[in-house]
């Protein structure tokens, strides 16, 4: 069991400067977190952006300096700003770009909305009153970690999963066949539902916010 660190994704304390006390490891996420202390004595954890160090001052407000760790509405940021921990709904708290090394970039404006380019290449509209944190998330070297052995994956809570192709026909649609076969049909789950490449997105109401799909870009 791990004690959960309550990370503040909302950053609701407006125009109260805070000093970074220290950076910490968090077992519940890939990024590092920073312990900050507000001028009124309150403490909180935030996602640590790159180039944030102990002793730095961060602040959330409507118009603040464009430096890592500061928070402001997307509509007030200059085009081209690198940001993370971005809200999708006003006041809900950051949801986009929270994993180690991730970020999004503001590439344009459209009336009340700003256009973001995400790490996946997707471009989408987010309301200008939604807030984001300036900078990219810390620990960009996370992607270079070699897990090295199966047991270390088990420590992370991943269990083994057998391929359908090595099972018997009673156990899986891909099973059976004399010698090694390739399944003989498009990949399916043990219950016969298509997998690998089947579209699963069902929320049509937010399609209008996606200007450029991350899947379109690959072709």
Protein backbone atom coordinates (compact mmCIF):
# COMPACT_ATOMS: atom_id res chain seq x y z
CA UNK A 1 0.00 0.00 0.00
CA UNK A 2 1.08 3.55 -0.71
CA UNK A 3 -0.03 6.64 1.17
CA UNK A 4 -1.74 8.85 -1.38
CA UNK A 5 -0.38 12.38 -1.78
CA UNK A 6 -3.21 14.86 -2.27
CA UNK A 7 -2.05 16.92 -5.24
CA UNK A 8 -3.77 20.26 -5.87
CA UNK A 9 -4.81 20.24 -9.54
CA UNK A 10 -7.17 23.21 -9.11
CA UNK A 11 -4.83 25.88 -7.68
CA UNK A 12 -7.75 27.94 -6.38
CA UNK A 13 -5.78 30.37 -4.19
CA UNK A 14 -5.69 33.40 -6.48
CA UNK A 15 -2.92 36.01 -6.17
CA UNK A 16 -1.40 34.40 -3.06
CA UNK A 17 2.31 33.77 -3.75
CA UNK A 18 3.77 30.46 -2.60
CA UNK A 19 7.36 29.36 -2.08
CA UNK A 20 8.53 25.92 -3.20
CA UNK A 21 9.77 24.11 -0.08
CA UNK A 22 11.08 20.96 -1.79
CA UNK A 23 10.57 18.54 -4.66
CA UNK A 24 9.40 15.03 -3.79
CA UNK A 25 8.97 11.62 -5.36
CA UNK A 26 5.38 10.45 -5.68
CA UNK A 27 4.77 6.68 -6.09
CA UNK A 28 1.25 7.32 -7.41
CA UNK A 29 2.33 9.10 -10.60
CA UNK A 30 5.25 9.33 -13.00
CA UNK A 31 5.98 13.03 -12.42
CA UNK A 32 7.63 14.58 -9.38
CA UNK A 33 5.59 16.76 -7.03
CA UNK A 34 6.53 19.97 -5.25
CA UNK A 35 5.56 20.98 -1.73
CA UNK A 36 4.61 24.66 -1.73
CA UNK A 37 3.90 26.96 1.20
CA UNK A 38 1.56 29.92 0.69
CA UNK A 39 2.18 33.28 2.37
CA UNK A 40 -0.74 32.64 4.71
CA UNK A 41 0.96 29.45 5.95
CA UNK A 42 -1.11 26.89 4.05
CA UNK A 43 0.80 24.06 2.35
CA UNK A 44 -0.09 22.04 -0.74
CA UNK A 45 1.40 19.63 -3.24
CA UNK A 46 1.49 20.60 -6.90
CA UNK A 47 2.80 18.83 -9.99
CA UNK A 48 6.40 19.93 -10.38
CA UNK A 49 7.16 21.42 -13.80
CA UNK A 50 10.61 21.25 -15.39
CA UNK A 51 13.10 23.91 -14.18
CA UNK A 52 11.25 24.46 -10.90
CA UNK A 53 13.58 24.39 -7.90
CA UNK A 54 13.28 24.76 -4.13
CA UNK A 55 13.06 28.43 -3.16
CA UNK A 56 11.20 29.51 -6.31
CA UNK A 57 7.96 31.48 -5.98
CA UNK A 58 4.82 30.43 -7.83
CA UNK A 59 1.47 32.20 -8.02
CA UNK A 60 -1.96 31.65 -9.57
CA UNK A 61 -3.93 34.58 -10.92
CA UNK A 62 -5.58 36.15 -13.94
CA UNK A 63 -2.45 37.94 -15.13
CA UNK A 64 0.85 36.53 -13.86
CA UNK A 65 4.39 36.16 -15.21
CA UNK A 66 4.92 33.44 -17.80
CA UNK A 67 7.28 31.27 -15.77
CA UNK A 68 7.13 27.58 -14.79
CA UNK A 69 4.62 26.77 -12.03
CA UNK A 70 2.46 29.85 -12.46
CA UNK A 71 -1.23 29.39 -13.24
CA UNK A 72 -3.55 31.55 -15.29
CA UNK A 73 -6.50 31.28 -17.68
CA UNK A 74 -5.51 30.03 -21.13
CA UNK A 75 -7.10 33.05 -22.81
CA UNK A 76 -4.60 35.38 -21.07
CA UNK A 77 -1.50 33.42 -22.13
CA UNK A 78 0.52 34.39 -25.21
CA UNK A 79 0.24 32.11 -28.24
CA UNK A 80 3.10 29.60 -28.29
CA UNK A 81 3.20 29.09 -24.51
CA UNK A 82 4.11 25.59 -23.29
CA UNK A 83 1.65 24.50 -20.59
CA UNK A 84 0.54 21.46 -18.57
CA UNK A 85 -2.18 20.46 -16.06
CA UNK A 86 -4.91 21.99 -18.24
CA UNK A 87 -8.58 22.15 -17.33
CA UNK A 88 -11.18 20.85 -19.79
CA UNK A 89 -14.09 22.33 -17.85
CA UNK A 90 -13.88 25.68 -16.07
CA UNK A 91 -12.99 25.16 -12.41
CA UNK A 92 -12.86 21.37 -12.55
CA UNK A 93 -9.10 21.13 -12.09
CA UNK A 94 -6.37 20.14 -14.51
CA UNK A 95 -6.87 16.98 -16.57
CA UNK A 96 -4.71 17.30 -19.71
CA UNK A 97 -0.91 16.80 -19.70
CA UNK A 98 -0.18 15.63 -16.16
CA UNK A 99 2.11 12.68 -16.88
CA UNK A 100 5.92 12.92 -16.69
CA UNK A 101 7.45 15.04 -19.45
CA UNK A 102 4.14 15.93 -21.11
CA UNK A 103 2.98 19.37 -22.20
CA UNK A 104 0.63 21.10 -24.61
CA UNK A 105 1.20 24.22 -26.67
CA UNK A 106 -1.18 27.08 -27.35
CA UNK A 107 -1.24 27.43 -31.15
CA UNK A 108 -4.07 29.90 -31.69
CA UNK A 109 -7.27 31.54 -30.51
CA UNK A 110 -10.85 31.21 -31.71
CA UNK A 111 -13.35 33.61 -30.10
CA UNK A 112 -13.75 32.45 -26.47
CA UNK A 113 -11.62 29.35 -27.04
CA UNK A 114 -7.91 28.65 -27.43
CA UNK A 115 -6.47 26.00 -29.74
CA UNK A 116 -4.10 23.54 -28.05
CA UNK A 117 -1.71 21.12 -29.68
CA UNK A 118 -1.38 18.09 -27.38
CA UNK A 119 1.49 15.62 -27.06
CA UNK A 120 -0.34 13.10 -29.22
CA UNK A 121 -0.54 15.60 -32.08
CA UNK A 122 -4.25 16.18 -31.51
CA UNK A 123 -5.47 19.76 -31.76
CA UNK A 124 -8.47 20.70 -29.70
CA UNK A 125 -10.44 23.68 -28.44
CA UNK A 126 -10.46 24.52 -24.74
CA UNK A 127 -12.37 27.44 -23.24
CA UNK A 128 -10.23 30.52 -22.58
CA UNK A 129 -11.37 30.72 -18.96
CA UNK A 130 -10.02 27.23 -18.26
CA UNK A 131 -6.72 27.46 -16.45
CA UNK A 132 -3.38 25.83 -17.09
CA UNK A 133 0.06 25.75 -15.48
CA UNK A 134 3.02 27.15 -17.38
CA UNK A 135 5.89 24.81 -18.29
CA UNK A 136 6.26 21.11 -19.09
CA UNK A 137 5.83 18.37 -16.46
CA UNK A 138 9.00 17.25 -14.65
CA UNK A 139 10.87 13.95 -15.03
CA UNK A 140 11.09 13.81 -18.86
CA UNK A 141 13.59 10.93 -18.51
CA UNK A 142 10.80 8.66 -17.28
CA UNK A 143 10.31 7.35 -20.83
CA UNK A 144 13.91 6.07 -20.89
CA UNK A 145 13.47 3.71 -17.92
CA UNK A 146 14.00 0.08 -18.87
CA UNK A 147 11.81 -2.12 -16.69
CA UNK A 148 14.30 -4.93 -17.25
CA UNK A 149 12.42 -7.93 -15.93
CA UNK A 150 8.94 -9.33 -15.66
CA UNK A 151 8.94 -9.12 -11.87
CA UNK A 152 9.32 -5.38 -11.89
CA UNK A 153 6.18 -5.11 -13.98
CA UNK A 154 4.44 -7.18 -11.31
CA UNK A 155 5.50 -4.63 -8.68
CA UNK A 156 3.57 -2.07 -10.70
CA UNK A 157 0.41 -4.16 -10.41
CA UNK A 158 0.45 -5.62 -13.93
CA UNK A 159 -0.52 -9.30 -14.13
CA UNK A 160 0.52 -11.72 -16.89
CA UNK A 161 -1.86 -12.14 -19.79
CA UNK A 162 -1.78 -15.16 -22.07
CA UNK A 163 -2.19 -14.77 -25.81
CA UNK A 164 -5.32 -16.23 -27.33
CA UNK A 165 -3.28 -17.88 -30.08
CA UNK A 166 -1.64 -20.28 -27.60
CA UNK A 167 -4.97 -21.46 -26.15
CA UNK A 168 -7.36 -24.23 -27.16
CA UNK A 169 -10.45 -23.44 -29.26
CA UNK A 170 -12.69 -23.84 -26.19
CA UNK A 171 -10.81 -21.06 -24.41
CA UNK A 172 -10.48 -18.39 -27.10
CA UNK A 173 -11.61 -17.65 -30.67
CA UNK A 174 -7.93 -17.59 -31.76
CA UNK A 175 -7.18 -20.98 -30.16
CA UNK A 176 -6.40 -24.34 -31.72
CA UNK A 177 -4.92 -25.24 -35.07
CA UNK A 178 -2.19 -27.80 -35.71
CA UNK A 179 1.21 -26.28 -35.01
CA UNK A 180 1.52 -22.52 -34.77
CA UNK A 181 -1.20 -20.55 -36.49
CA UNK A 182 -1.83 -16.85 -36.75
CA UNK A 183 -5.37 -16.89 -35.42
CA UNK A 184 -7.08 -16.94 -38.80
CA UNK A 185 -9.37 -13.98 -38.16
CA UNK A 186 -9.18 -10.37 -37.16
CA UNK A 187 -8.02 -10.00 -33.54
CA UNK A 188 -10.86 -10.42 -31.05
CA UNK A 189 -11.25 -10.62 -27.29
CA UNK A 190 -12.00 -13.96 -25.59
CA UNK A 191 -15.68 -12.97 -25.93
CA UNK A 192 -15.49 -12.38 -29.68
CA UNK A 193 -15.50 -8.57 -29.64
CA UNK A 194 -13.08 -6.89 -32.09
CA UNK A 195 -9.89 -5.54 -30.54
CA UNK A 196 -6.82 -3.78 -31.96
CA UNK A 197 -7.97 -0.84 -34.02
CA UNK A 198 -11.69 -0.96 -33.29
CA UNK A 199 -12.92 2.53 -32.52
CA UNK A 200 -14.26 2.75 -28.97
CA UNK A 201 -14.90 6.46 -28.66
CA UNK A 202 -18.56 7.04 -27.83
CA UNK A 203 -18.75 10.64 -26.59
CA UNK A 204 -20.01 12.35 -29.74
CA UNK A 205 -20.92 15.56 -27.94
CA UNK A 206 -17.29 16.63 -27.54
CA UNK A 207 -16.30 15.87 -31.13
CA UNK A 208 -16.72 19.53 -32.04
CA UNK A 209 -13.83 20.44 -29.70
CA UNK A 210 -11.39 18.18 -31.56
CA UNK A 211 -10.06 20.05 -34.57
CA UNK A 212 -7.44 17.52 -35.64
CA UNK A 213 -7.68 13.92 -34.49
CA UNK A 214 -4.55 12.22 -33.25
CA UNK A 215 -5.38 9.32 -35.58
CA UNK A 216 -5.67 11.45 -38.70
CA UNK A 217 -2.16 12.78 -38.20
CA UNK A 218 -0.45 9.41 -38.55
CA UNK A 219 -1.41 8.78 -42.15
